[in-house]
Amino acid sequence: MSTRPPMPETHVGAGDLHDEPFEPEVLQSDLAFEGAVWDVRDDRVRYGDGEIRRQYVAHTGAVAILALDDDGRVLLIQQYRHPIRHRDWELPAGLLDVPGEEPLEAARRELAEEADLTASQWEPLVASWTTPGGNDELIHIFLATGLSDAETPHAREDEEADIRVEWVPLADAVDAVLAGRMRNGILSLGVMAATLRLRDRG
């Protein structure tokens, strides 16, 4: 039988729910692996009365775009992702790897590069730490409407060379996520957030 004391109950109002910054002392931080895109850091951290060691991917951050047309369809792209050995369905997305570039400007650039589209209306939809136990990536997802074709198509290579593009009713995308047919986390978060945003607007 466990003798661990019960976790204390907390009573937080809905408006007070938020992630809390916390910065324990970092005793040592080493570059464990220098990658072509991301690095892996190895940190020793003073935590409570002891010390913990954590290795994590140091990420640039990223943006994703939920592009919604006038018929309520969301733009999905499918491309090969080697770590999961799948061609999964995703939202157009990309890294915050241009020095000084704000997330909104990166989102505009990525929509043009991945989908050959521009948008006249942009709004922040949701932001998320994708895997906070393993990397420090923060992704900003934007809702883009008022879509039109970009003036110059973007040249693509590697995994992007055979991207498949589909316009899918937003409700169908939600159904596919809930049924487990599409499992990309950023896509799942984006279509759910967009559905709630549009519902709130009536």
C-alpha atoms as a PDB file:
ATOM      1  CA  MET A   1       0.000   0.000   0.000  1.00  0.00           C
ATOM      2  CA  SER A   2       1.345   3.419  -0.965  1.00  0.00           C
ATOM      3  CA  THR A   3       2.326   5.755   1.868  1.00  0.00           C
ATOM      4  CA  ARG A   4       2.771   8.789  -0.386  1.00  0.00           C
ATOM      5  CA  PRO A   5       0.733  11.728   0.951  1.00  0.00           C
ATOM      6  CA  PRO A   6      -2.161  12.845  -1.228  1.00  0.00           C
ATOM      7  CA  MET A   7      -1.643  15.750  -3.603  1.00  0.00           C
ATOM      8  CA  PRO A   8      -3.081  18.963  -2.161  1.00  0.00           C
ATOM      9  CA  GLU A   9      -6.328  20.064  -3.741  1.00  0.00           C
ATOM     10  CA  THR A  10      -6.362  23.408  -5.481  1.00  0.00           C
ATOM     11  CA  HIS A  11      -9.320  25.532  -6.439  1.00  0.00           C
ATOM     12  CA  VAL A  12      -8.494  27.751  -9.382  1.00  0.00           C
ATOM     13  CA  GLY A  13     -11.060  29.814 -11.219  1.00  0.00           C
ATOM     14  CA  ALA A  14     -11.272  29.379 -14.986  1.00  0.00           C
ATOM     15  CA  GLY A  15      -9.861  32.844 -15.580  1.00  0.00           C
ATOM     16  CA  ASP A  16      -6.882  32.107 -13.342  1.00  0.00           C
ATOM     17  CA  LEU A  17      -5.702  28.961 -15.110  1.00  0.00           C
ATOM     18  CA  HIS A  18      -2.297  29.593 -16.641  1.00  0.00           C
ATOM     19  CA  ASP A  19       1.140  28.040 -16.971  1.00  0.00           C
ATOM     20  CA  GLU A  20       3.549  29.420 -14.391  1.00  0.00           C
ATOM     21  CA  PRO A  21       7.163  30.400 -15.162  1.00  0.00           C
ATOM     22  CA  PHE A  22       9.637  28.567 -12.950  1.00  0.00           C
ATOM     23  CA  GLU A  23      13.405  28.734 -13.315  1.00  0.00           C
ATOM     24  CA  PRO A  24      15.386  26.452 -10.995  1.00  0.00           C
ATOM     25  CA  GLU A  25      19.140  26.918 -10.936  1.00  0.00           C
ATOM     26  CA  VAL A  26      20.886  25.312 -13.913  1.00  0.00           C
ATOM     27  CA  LEU A  27      24.111  23.887 -12.522  1.00  0.00           C
ATOM     28  CA  GLN A  28      25.507  22.834 -15.884  1.00  0.00           C
ATOM     29  CA  SER A  29      24.280  22.950 -19.493  1.00  0.00           C
ATOM     30  CA  ASP A  30      26.208  21.105 -22.196  1.00  0.00           C
ATOM     31  CA  LEU A  31      25.705  20.723 -25.937  1.00  0.00           C
ATOM     32  CA  ALA A  32      25.203  16.957 -26.152  1.00  0.00           C
ATOM     33  CA  PHE A  33      24.573  16.892 -29.900  1.00  0.00           C
ATOM     34  CA  GLU A  34      24.858  19.555 -32.589  1.00  0.00           C
ATOM     35  CA  GLY A  35      22.375  18.818 -35.351  1.00  0.00           C
ATOM     36  CA  ALA A  36      21.730  20.201 -38.812  1.00  0.00           C
ATOM     37  CA  VAL A  37      18.400  21.670 -37.680  1.00  0.00           C
ATOM     38  CA  TRP A  38      18.167  21.228 -33.877  1.00  0.00           C
ATOM     39  CA  ASP A  39      20.622  20.644 -31.067  1.00  0.00           C
ATOM     40  CA  VAL A  40      20.282  18.428 -27.998  1.00  0.00           C
ATOM     41  CA  ARG A  41      21.244  19.923 -24.638  1.00  0.00           C
ATOM     42  CA  ASP A  42      22.180  18.041 -21.467  1.00  0.00           C
ATOM     43  CA  ASP A  43      21.338  19.994 -18.291  1.00  0.00           C
ATOM     44  CA  ARG A  44      21.929  19.406 -14.604  1.00  0.00           C
ATOM     45  CA  VAL A  45      19.346  21.321 -12.562  1.00  0.00           C
ATOM     46  CA  ARG A  46      18.970  21.935  -8.848  1.00  0.00           C
ATOM     47  CA  TYR A  47      15.418  20.855  -7.995  1.00  0.00           C
ATOM     48  CA  GLY A  48      14.051  20.960  -4.467  1.00  0.00           C
ATOM     49  CA  ASP A  49      16.617  19.390  -2.167  1.00  0.00           C
ATOM     50  CA  GLY A  50      18.218  17.398  -4.959  1.00  0.00           C
ATOM     51  CA  GLU A  51      19.438  17.501  -8.510  1.00  0.00           C
ATOM     52  CA  ILE A  52      17.933  16.259 -11.780  1.00  0.00           C
ATOM     53  CA  ARG A  53      19.437  15.689 -15.214  1.00  0.00           C
ATOM     54  CA  ARG A  54      17.433  16.372 -18.354  1.00  0.00           C
ATOM     55  CA  GLN A  55      18.270  16.081 -22.042  1.00  0.00           C
ATOM     56  CA  TYR A  56      16.067  17.890 -24.521  1.00  0.00           C
ATOM     57  CA  VAL A  57      15.916  19.234 -28.058  1.00  0.00           C
ATOM     58  CA  ALA A  58      16.661  22.959 -28.216  1.00  0.00           C
ATOM     59  CA  HIS A  59      14.092  24.085 -30.767  1.00  0.00           C
ATOM     60  CA  THR A  60      13.777  27.269 -32.806  1.00  0.00           C
ATOM     61  CA  GLY A  61       9.994  27.414 -32.386  1.00  0.00           C
ATOM     62  CA  ALA A  62       7.520  27.179 -35.238  1.00  0.00           C
ATOM     63  CA  VAL A  63       4.312  28.439 -36.801  1.00  0.00           C
ATOM     64  CA  ALA A  64       1.338  26.673 -38.377  1.00  0.00           C
ATOM     65  CA  ILE A  65      -1.550  28.003 -40.399  1.00  0.00           C
ATOM     66  CA  LEU A  66      -5.171  26.926 -40.397  1.00  0.00           C
ATOM     67  CA  ALA A  67      -6.202  28.309 -43.783  1.00  0.00           C
ATOM     68  CA  LEU A  68      -9.997  28.392 -44.089  1.00  0.00           C
ATOM     69  CA  ASP A  69     -11.742  29.211 -47.356  1.00  0.00           C
ATOM     70  CA  ASP A  70     -15.136  30.833 -47.877  1.00  0.00           C
ATOM     71  CA  ASP A  71     -16.823  27.409 -48.016  1.00  0.00           C
ATOM     72  CA  GLY A  72     -15.611  26.393 -44.552  1.00  0.00           C
ATOM     73  CA  ARG A  73     -12.908  24.077 -45.862  1.00  0.00           C
ATOM     74  CA  VAL A  74      -9.486  23.787 -44.257  1.00  0.00           C
ATOM     75  CA  LEU A  75      -6.313  23.342 -46.273  1.00  0.00           C
ATOM     76  CA  LEU A  76      -4.475  20.126 -45.390  1.00  0.00           C
ATOM     77  CA  ILE A  77      -1.151  18.949 -46.750  1.00  0.00           C
ATOM     78  CA  GLN A  78       0.235  15.422 -46.684  1.00  0.00           C
ATOM     79  CA  GLN A  79       3.951  14.697 -46.725  1.00  0.00           C
ATOM     80  CA  TYR A  80       6.395  12.037 -45.621  1.00  0.00           C
ATOM     81  CA  ARG A  81       7.698  12.293 -42.040  1.00  0.00           C
ATOM     82  CA  HIS A  82      10.619   9.966 -41.491  1.00  0.00           C
ATOM     83  CA  PRO A  83      10.503   9.556 -37.671  1.00  0.00           C
ATOM     84  CA  ILE A  84       6.962   8.135 -37.816  1.00  0.00           C
ATOM     85  CA  ARG A  85       7.294   6.412 -41.231  1.00  0.00           C
ATOM     86  CA  HIS A  86       4.021   7.951 -42.348  1.00  0.00           C
ATOM     87  CA  ARG A  87       2.754  10.454 -44.844  1.00  0.00           C
ATOM     88  CA  ASP A  88       0.581  12.258 -42.339  1.00  0.00           C
ATOM     89  CA  TRP A  89      -1.953  15.020 -42.825  1.00  0.00           C
ATOM     90  CA  GLU A  90      -0.811  18.352 -41.455  1.00  0.00           C
ATOM     91  CA  LEU A  91      -1.434  22.071 -41.477  1.00  0.00           C
ATOM     92  CA  PRO A  92       1.036  24.204 -43.449  1.00  0.00           C
ATOM     93  CA  ALA A  93       3.814  24.934 -40.979  1.00  0.00           C
ATOM     94  CA  GLY A  94       7.447  25.875 -40.656  1.00  0.00           C
ATOM     95  CA  LEU A  95      10.272  26.864 -38.364  1.00  0.00           C
ATOM     96  CA  LEU A  96      10.982  30.224 -36.788  1.00  0.00           C
ATOM     97  CA  ASP A  97      14.486  30.055 -38.208  1.00  0.00           C
ATOM     98  CA  VAL A  98      14.832  33.528 -39.739  1.00  0.00           C
ATOM     99  CA  PRO A  99      16.570  35.862 -37.246  1.00  0.00           C
ATOM    100  CA  GLY A 100      14.259  38.626 -36.059  1.00  0.00           C
ATOM    101  CA  GLU A 101      11.197  37.325 -37.913  1.00  0.00           C
ATOM    102  CA  GLU A 102       7.957  37.609 -35.938  1.00  0.00           C
ATOM    103  CA  PRO A 103       5.616  34.581 -35.848  1.00  0.00           C
ATOM    104  CA  LEU A 104       2.956  36.286 -37.996  1.00  0.00           C
ATOM    105  CA  GLU A 105       5.449  37.136 -40.709  1.00  0.00           C
ATOM    106  CA  ALA A 106       6.770  33.583 -40.605  1.00  0.00           C
ATOM    107  CA  ALA A 107       3.216  32.300 -40.995  1.00  0.00           C
ATOM    108  CA  ARG A 108       2.676  34.490 -44.054  1.00  0.00           C
ATOM    109  CA  ARG A 109       5.916  33.179 -45.541  1.00  0.00           C
ATOM    110  CA  GLU A 110       5.125  29.540 -44.819  1.00  0.00           C
ATOM    111  CA  LEU A 111       1.626  29.723 -46.301  1.00  0.00           C
ATOM    112  CA  ALA A 112       3.116  31.065 -49.514  1.00  0.00           C
ATOM    113  CA  GLU A 113       5.962  28.546 -49.556  1.00  0.00           C
ATOM    114  CA  GLU A 114       3.940  25.429 -48.716  1.00  0.00           C
ATOM    115  CA  ALA A 115       0.597  26.203 -50.336  1.00  0.00           C
ATOM    116  CA  ASP A 116       1.196  29.063 -52.819  1.00  0.00           C
ATOM    117  CA  LEU A 117      -1.434  31.114 -50.994  1.00  0.00           C
ATOM    118  CA  THR A 118      -1.787  34.526 -49.384  1.00  0.00           C
ATOM    119  CA  ALA A 119      -4.430  35.643 -46.892  1.00  0.00           C
ATOM    120  CA  SER A 120      -5.937  39.056 -46.236  1.00  0.00           C
ATOM    121  CA  GLN A 121      -7.091  38.286 -42.669  1.00  0.00           C
ATOM    122  CA  TRP A 122      -4.885  36.796 -39.970  1.00  0.00           C
ATOM    123  CA  GLU A 123      -5.529  36.166 -36.303  1.00  0.00           C
ATOM    124  CA  PRO A 124      -3.778  34.188 -33.581  1.00  0.00           C
ATOM    125  CA  LEU A 125      -5.671  30.953 -32.964  1.00  0.00           C
ATOM    126  CA  VAL A 126      -3.733  29.079 -30.272  1.00  0.00           C
ATOM    127  CA  ALA A 127      -0.140  28.498 -29.132  1.00  0.00           C
ATOM    128  CA  SER A 128       1.236  25.272 -27.716  1.00  0.00           C
ATOM    129  CA  TRP A 129       4.362  23.648 -26.363  1.00  0.00           C
ATOM    130  CA  THR A 130       4.374  20.545 -28.530  1.00  0.00           C
ATOM    131  CA  THR A 131       6.348  18.142 -26.305  1.00  0.00           C
ATOM    132  CA  PRO A 132       7.461  19.973 -23.142  1.00  0.00           C
ATOM    133  CA  GLY A 133       9.059  16.872 -21.660  1.00  0.00           C
ATOM    134  CA  GLY A 134      11.395  16.477 -24.631  1.00  0.00           C
ATOM    135  CA  ASN A 135      11.842  19.839 -26.349  1.00  0.00           C
ATOM    136  CA  ASP A 136      11.222  23.546 -25.815  1.00  0.00           C
ATOM    137  CA  GLU A 137       9.302  24.087 -29.068  1.00  0.00           C
ATOM    138  CA  LEU A 138       6.520  26.650 -28.894  1.00  0.00           C
ATOM    139  CA  ILE A 139       4.307  26.660 -31.974  1.00  0.00           C
ATOM    140  CA  HIS A 140       1.988  29.535 -32.859  1.00  0.00           C
ATOM    141  CA  ILE A 141      -1.083  28.544 -34.881  1.00  0.00           C
ATOM    142  CA  PHE A 142      -2.812  31.265 -36.891  1.00  0.00           C
ATOM    143  CA  LEU A 143      -6.235  31.346 -38.534  1.00  0.00           C
ATOM    144  CA  ALA A 144      -5.931  32.667 -42.082  1.00  0.00           C
ATOM    145  CA  THR A 145      -8.949  33.703 -44.181  1.00  0.00           C
ATOM    146  CA  GLY A 146      -9.539  35.808 -47.257  1.00  0.00           C
ATOM    147  CA  LEU A 147      -7.349  33.475 -49.290  1.00  0.00           C
ATOM    148  CA  SER A 148      -5.955  34.041 -52.766  1.00  0.00           C
ATOM    149  CA  ASP A 149      -3.275  32.494 -54.961  1.00  0.00           C
ATOM    150  CA  ALA A 150       0.279  33.734 -54.511  1.00  0.00           C
ATOM    151  CA  GLU A 151       1.760  35.548 -57.491  1.00  0.00           C
ATOM    152  CA  THR A 152       4.762  33.235 -57.804  1.00  0.00           C
ATOM    153  CA  PRO A 153       4.584  29.471 -57.101  1.00  0.00           C
ATOM    154  CA  HIS A 154       7.275  28.256 -54.722  1.00  0.00           C
ATOM    155  CA  ALA A 155       9.847  25.646 -55.802  1.00  0.00           C
ATOM    156  CA  ARG A 156       9.869  22.575 -53.532  1.00  0.00           C
ATOM    157  CA  GLU A 157      12.359  19.793 -52.875  1.00  0.00           C
ATOM    158  CA  ASP A 158      12.949  16.740 -50.658  1.00  0.00           C
ATOM    159  CA  GLU A 159       9.798  15.795 -48.687  1.00  0.00           C
ATOM    160  CA  GLU A 160       8.034  18.901 -49.963  1.00  0.00           C
ATOM    161  CA  ALA A 161       8.464  17.907 -53.607  1.00  0.00           C
ATOM    162  CA  ASP A 162       5.513  15.491 -53.548  1.00  0.00           C
ATOM    163  CA  ILE A 163       3.249  17.279 -51.092  1.00  0.00           C
ATOM    164  CA  ARG A 164      -0.407  16.374 -51.549  1.00  0.00           C
ATOM    165  CA  VAL A 165      -2.865  19.217 -50.980  1.00  0.00           C
ATOM    166  CA  GLU A 166      -6.544  18.796 -50.136  1.00  0.00           C
ATOM    167  CA  TRP A 167      -9.354  21.159 -49.150  1.00  0.00           C
ATOM    168  CA  VAL A 168     -11.430  19.381 -46.511  1.00  0.00           C
ATOM    169  CA  PRO A 169     -14.609  20.536 -44.720  1.00  0.00           C
ATOM    170  CA  LEU A 170     -13.580  21.571 -41.225  1.00  0.00           C
ATOM    171  CA  ALA A 171     -16.145  19.226 -39.661  1.00  0.00           C
ATOM    172  CA  ASP A 172     -14.738  16.279 -41.636  1.00  0.00           C
ATOM    173  CA  ALA A 173     -11.242  17.069 -40.377  1.00  0.00           C
ATOM    174  CA  VAL A 174     -12.524  17.098 -36.785  1.00  0.00           C
ATOM    175  CA  ASP A 175     -14.267  13.748 -37.345  1.00  0.00           C
ATOM    176  CA  ALA A 176     -11.059  12.221 -38.729  1.00  0.00           C
ATOM    177  CA  VAL A 177      -9.080  13.441 -35.707  1.00  0.00           C
ATOM    178  CA  LEU A 178     -11.609  12.100 -33.200  1.00  0.00           C
ATOM    179  CA  ALA A 179     -11.771   8.766 -35.028  1.00  0.00           C
ATOM    180  CA  GLY A 180      -7.977   8.435 -34.906  1.00  0.00           C
ATOM    181  CA  ARG A 181      -7.558   8.530 -38.678  1.00  0.00           C
ATOM    182  CA  MET A 182      -5.414  11.683 -38.489  1.00  0.00           C
ATOM    183  CA  ARG A 183      -3.022  11.905 -35.548  1.00  0.00           C
ATOM    184  CA  ASN A 184      -0.845  14.936 -36.136  1.00  0.00           C
ATOM    185  CA  GLY A 185      -0.970  16.894 -32.881  1.00  0.00           C
ATOM    186  CA  ILE A 186      -0.732  20.381 -34.391  1.00  0.00           C
ATOM    187  CA  LEU A 187      -3.453  19.561 -36.919  1.00  0.00           C
ATOM    188  CA  SER A 188      -5.651  18.187 -34.129  1.00  0.00           C
ATOM    189  CA  LEU A 189      -5.185  21.267 -31.971  1.00  0.00           C
ATOM    190  CA  GLY A 190      -5.735  23.636 -34.879  1.00  0.00           C
ATOM    191  CA  VAL A 191      -8.981  22.153 -36.196  1.00  0.00           C
ATOM    192  CA  MET A 192     -10.451  21.870 -32.685  1.00  0.00           C
ATOM    193  CA  ALA A 193      -9.506  25.448 -31.807  1.00  0.00           C
ATOM    194  CA  ALA A 194     -10.889  26.764 -35.088  1.00  0.00           C
ATOM    195  CA  THR A 195     -14.149  24.881 -34.572  1.00  0.00           C
ATOM    196  CA  LEU A 196     -14.587  26.434 -31.119  1.00  0.00           C
ATOM    197  CA  ARG A 197     -13.637  29.891 -32.378  1.00  0.00           C
ATOM    198  CA  LEU A 198     -16.197  29.761 -35.163  1.00  0.00           C
ATOM    199  CA  ARG A 199     -18.838  28.311 -32.826  1.00  0.00           C
ATOM    200  CA  ASP A 200     -18.333  31.187 -30.413  1.00  0.00           C
ATOM    201  CA  ARG A 201     -18.932  33.616 -33.254  1.00  0.00           C
ATOM    202  CA  GLY A 202     -22.219  31.928 -34.015  1.00  0.00           C
END
